[in-house]
N, C-alpha and C. Protein backbone atom coordinates (compact mmCIF):
# COMPACT_ATOMS: atom_id res chain seq x y z
N MET A 1 -1.88 -19.69 -8.38
CA MET A 1 -2.62 -18.74 -8.21
C MET A 1 -3.57 -18.70 -8.98
N THR A 2 -5.30 -18.75 -8.77
CA THR A 2 -5.71 -18.37 -9.94
C THR A 2 -6.27 -17.10 -10.13
N ASP A 3 -6.82 -16.73 -10.87
CA ASP A 3 -7.19 -15.31 -11.33
C ASP A 3 -8.40 -14.84 -10.14
N GLU A 4 -9.13 -15.69 -9.86
CA GLU A 4 -10.03 -15.30 -8.30
C GLU A 4 -9.27 -14.65 -7.08
N GLU A 5 -8.49 -15.75 -7.34
CA GLU A 5 -7.67 -15.92 -5.89
C GLU A 5 -6.70 -14.30 -5.98
N LYS A 6 -5.95 -14.28 -7.07
CA LYS A 6 -5.31 -13.04 -7.73
C LYS A 6 -6.35 -11.50 -7.63
N ILE A 7 -7.27 -11.61 -7.40
CA ILE A 7 -8.42 -10.95 -7.65
C ILE A 7 -8.62 -10.54 -6.20
N LYS A 8 -9.01 -11.68 -4.96
CA LYS A 8 -9.15 -11.50 -3.84
C LYS A 8 -8.39 -10.52 -3.65
N ALA A 9 -6.75 -11.43 -3.50
CA ALA A 9 -5.46 -10.95 -2.73
C ALA A 9 -5.85 -9.26 -3.50
N GLU A 10 -5.94 -8.74 -4.31
CA GLU A 10 -5.96 -7.02 -4.85
C GLU A 10 -7.27 -6.42 -3.91
N VAL A 11 -8.08 -6.50 -3.39
CA VAL A 11 -9.19 -6.72 -2.83
C VAL A 11 -8.75 -6.67 -1.36
N LEU A 12 -7.97 -7.86 -1.14
CA LEU A 12 -7.65 -7.30 0.51
C LEU A 12 -6.82 -6.41 0.62
N ASP A 13 -5.95 -6.18 -0.40
CA ASP A 13 -4.53 -5.55 -0.43
C ASP A 13 -5.33 -4.04 -0.18
N ARG A 14 -6.42 -3.59 -0.86
CA ARG A 14 -6.62 -2.45 -1.20
C ARG A 14 -7.41 -2.02 0.22
N LEU A 15 -8.35 -3.29 0.68
CA LEU A 15 -9.17 -2.92 2.02
C LEU A 15 -8.30 -2.60 3.04
N ILE A 16 -7.06 -2.78 3.27
CA ILE A 16 -6.06 -2.79 4.12
C ILE A 16 -5.49 -1.84 3.70
N THR A 17 -5.46 -1.11 3.23
CA THR A 17 -4.53 0.18 2.59
C THR A 17 -5.65 1.23 3.10
N HIS A 18 -6.74 0.96 2.93
CA HIS A 18 -7.94 1.60 3.23
C HIS A 18 -8.05 1.93 4.71
N LEU A 19 -7.92 0.86 5.13
CA LEU A 19 -7.95 0.82 7.33
C LEU A 19 -7.19 1.94 7.37
N GLN A 20 -5.59 1.10 6.81
CA GLN A 20 -4.51 2.09 7.31
C GLN A 20 -4.37 3.64 6.82
N THR A 21 -5.20 4.39 5.73
CA THR A 21 -4.95 5.35 6.08
C THR A 21 -6.35 6.29 6.43
N SER A 22 -7.34 5.52 6.90
CA SER A 22 -8.60 6.20 7.22
C SER A 22 -8.78 6.12 8.59
N THR A 23 -7.55 6.46 9.07
CA THR A 23 -7.35 6.29 10.74
C THR A 23 -8.44 6.79 11.85
N GLU A 24 -9.30 7.46 10.75
CA GLU A 24 -10.67 8.66 11.94
C GLU A 24 -11.76 7.16 11.81
N LEU A 25 -11.76 6.08 10.67
CA LEU A 25 -12.73 4.95 11.29
C LEU A 25 -11.79 4.48 12.46
N GLN A 26 -12.48 4.53 13.68
CA GLN A 26 -12.48 3.60 14.78
C GLN A 26 -12.50 2.31 14.52
N ASN A 27 -12.25 1.12 15.51
CA ASN A 27 -12.58 0.13 15.44
C ASN A 27 -13.40 -0.19 16.06
N ILE A 28 -14.41 0.01 16.67
CA ILE A 28 -15.41 0.26 17.79
C ILE A 28 -16.56 0.33 16.53
N ASP A 29 -16.07 1.47 16.21
CA ASP A 29 -17.36 1.47 14.85
C ASP A 29 -17.15 0.81 13.82
N LEU A 30 -15.75 -0.01 13.51
CA LEU A 30 -16.59 -0.73 12.36
C LEU A 30 -16.97 -1.81 12.90
N MET A 31 -17.13 -2.24 14.42
CA MET A 31 -17.56 -3.52 14.78
C MET A 31 -19.00 -2.75 14.76
N ASP A 32 -19.20 -1.76 15.13
CA ASP A 32 -20.78 -1.61 15.14
C ASP A 32 -21.65 -1.83 13.94
N LEU A 33 -20.74 -1.04 12.83
CA LEU A 33 -21.92 -0.84 11.69
C LEU A 33 -21.08 -2.18 10.42
N ALA A 34 -19.91 -3.23 10.82
CA ALA A 34 -19.66 -4.06 9.14
C ALA A 34 -19.53 -5.80 10.51
N GLY A 35 -19.28 -5.42 11.91
CA GLY A 35 -19.59 -6.63 12.28
C GLY A 35 -17.88 -7.43 12.48
N PHE A 36 -16.69 -6.79 12.21
CA PHE A 36 -15.62 -6.91 12.17
C PHE A 36 -14.77 -5.70 11.77
N CYS A 37 -13.80 -5.67 12.80
CA CYS A 37 -12.63 -4.47 12.44
C CYS A 37 -11.13 -4.80 11.97
N ARG A 38 -10.63 -3.87 12.17
CA ARG A 38 -8.52 -4.45 11.98
C ARG A 38 -8.10 -5.60 12.90
N ASN A 39 -8.87 -5.26 14.18
CA ASN A 39 -7.78 -6.69 14.73
C ASN A 39 -8.63 -8.61 14.40
N CYS A 40 -9.85 -7.78 14.08
CA CYS A 40 -10.94 -8.95 13.30
C CYS A 40 -9.96 -10.09 12.53
N LEU A 41 -9.57 -8.48 11.02
CA LEU A 41 -8.79 -9.07 10.19
C LEU A 41 -7.15 -9.85 10.60
N ALA A 42 -6.87 -9.34 11.47
CA ALA A 42 -5.71 -9.45 12.22
C ALA A 42 -5.74 -11.07 12.76
N LYS A 43 -6.94 -11.30 13.42
CA LYS A 43 -6.84 -12.84 13.38
C LYS A 43 -7.22 -13.98 12.60
N TRP A 44 -8.19 -13.35 11.12
CA TRP A 44 -8.15 -14.13 10.43
C TRP A 44 -6.68 -14.45 9.34
N TYR A 45 -5.68 -13.29 9.84
CA TYR A 45 -4.58 -13.37 8.51
C TYR A 45 -4.09 -14.18 9.64
N MET A 46 -3.86 -14.37 10.60
CA MET A 46 -3.00 -15.32 11.64
C MET A 46 -3.69 -16.49 11.50
N GLU A 47 -5.18 -16.12 11.17
CA GLU A 47 -5.55 -18.19 11.19
C GLU A 47 -5.03 -18.58 9.87
N ALA A 48 -5.06 -17.79 8.85
CA ALA A 48 -5.20 -18.55 7.39
C ALA A 48 -3.30 -18.62 7.21
N SER A 49 -2.37 -17.47 8.42
CA SER A 49 -0.76 -18.41 8.09
C SER A 49 -0.98 -19.69 8.72
N ALA A 50 -1.92 -20.48 9.46
CA ALA A 50 -1.11 -21.45 10.32
C ALA A 50 -2.13 -22.46 9.53
N GLY A 51 -3.15 -22.35 8.77
CA GLY A 51 -3.45 -23.08 7.89
C GLY A 51 -2.35 -23.42 6.34
N HIS A 52 -1.36 -22.59 6.35
CA HIS A 52 -0.56 -22.72 5.09
C HIS A 52 0.99 -22.86 5.67
N GLY A 53 0.92 -23.41 7.09
CA GLY A 53 1.73 -23.95 7.69
C GLY A 53 2.92 -22.70 7.59
N SER A 54 2.79 -21.48 8.24
CA SER A 54 3.61 -20.57 8.62
C SER A 54 2.73 -19.88 9.12
N LEU A 55 3.38 -19.92 10.43
CA LEU A 55 2.17 -19.40 11.76
C LEU A 55 2.95 -18.14 12.18
N ILE A 56 2.21 -16.94 11.51
CA ILE A 56 2.75 -15.62 11.82
C ILE A 56 1.36 -15.18 13.66
N GLU A 57 2.51 -14.85 14.21
CA GLU A 57 1.82 -14.32 15.69
C GLU A 57 1.09 -13.42 15.24
N TYR A 58 -0.31 -13.21 16.32
CA TYR A 58 -1.39 -12.11 15.97
C TYR A 58 0.04 -10.47 16.00
N GLU A 59 0.19 -10.28 17.11
CA GLU A 59 0.85 -9.06 16.49
C GLU A 59 1.76 -9.20 15.80
N ASP A 60 1.92 -9.83 14.90
CA ASP A 60 2.74 -9.68 13.98
C ASP A 60 1.92 -8.93 12.37
N ALA A 61 0.79 -9.98 13.05
CA ALA A 61 -0.43 -9.89 12.00
C ALA A 61 -1.39 -8.59 11.76
N ARG A 62 -1.07 -8.43 13.28
CA ARG A 62 -1.47 -6.56 13.35
C ARG A 62 -0.88 -5.65 12.62
N GLN A 63 0.97 -5.67 13.06
CA GLN A 63 1.29 -4.95 12.41
C GLN A 63 1.54 -4.91 10.75
N VAL A 64 1.06 -6.35 9.95
CA VAL A 64 0.33 -5.78 8.32
C VAL A 64 -0.68 -5.27 8.74
N ILE A 65 -1.94 -5.60 9.43
CA ILE A 65 -2.69 -4.42 9.22
C ILE A 65 -3.06 -3.06 9.32
N TYR A 66 -2.50 -2.99 10.19
CA TYR A 66 -2.53 -2.00 10.70
C TYR A 66 -1.53 -0.89 9.87
N GLY A 67 -0.20 -0.78 9.78
CA GLY A 67 0.72 -0.65 9.10
C GLY A 67 1.92 -0.09 10.19
N MET A 68 1.69 -0.63 11.20
CA MET A 68 2.95 -0.30 12.12
C MET A 68 2.41 -1.38 13.63
N PRO A 69 3.65 -1.18 14.06
CA PRO A 69 3.12 -1.76 15.36
C PRO A 69 1.72 -1.52 16.22
N TYR A 70 0.99 -2.55 16.75
CA TYR A 70 -0.43 -1.68 17.73
C TYR A 70 -0.24 -0.56 18.36
N ASN A 71 0.09 -0.59 19.11
CA ASN A 71 0.60 0.26 20.29
C ASN A 71 1.02 1.38 19.86
N ASP A 72 1.37 1.57 18.72
CA ASP A 72 1.97 3.05 17.80
C ASP A 72 0.55 3.19 17.24
N TRP A 73 -0.02 2.87 16.45
CA TRP A 73 -1.63 2.89 16.03
C TRP A 73 -2.51 3.69 17.13
N LYS A 74 -2.30 2.53 18.73
CA LYS A 74 -3.43 3.23 19.05
C LYS A 74 -3.06 4.69 20.18
N LYS A 75 -1.61 5.11 20.17
CA LYS A 75 -0.95 5.87 20.56
C LYS A 75 -1.86 7.38 19.48
N LYS A 76 -1.61 6.79 17.97
CA LYS A 76 -1.31 8.21 17.42
C LYS A 76 -3.00 8.31 17.17
N TYR A 77 -3.66 7.31 17.07
CA TYR A 77 -5.38 7.45 16.48
C TYR A 77 -6.24 6.74 17.07
N GLN A 78 -6.27 6.18 18.07
CA GLN A 78 -7.42 5.91 19.25
C GLN A 78 -8.20 6.68 19.83
N LYS A 79 -9.08 7.18 19.63
CA LYS A 79 -10.47 7.80 20.42
C LYS A 79 -10.43 7.31 21.85
């Protein structure tokens, strides 16, 4: 892994952690402001896994991004 790839991975990890801890940020608000949300990140994660020969299912990718099963996050934090 190159230095650039390591930096990108670290930034992505930091973004994921930020979104996991900033539960007041609703997906609809993220989509309106940034053009992507947690679900988009999960889809990109799933697509990238397929490109590397180890397909991760969408719900498993969501769990990586949300830090818990999506339905649990939705019950706790979705407004």
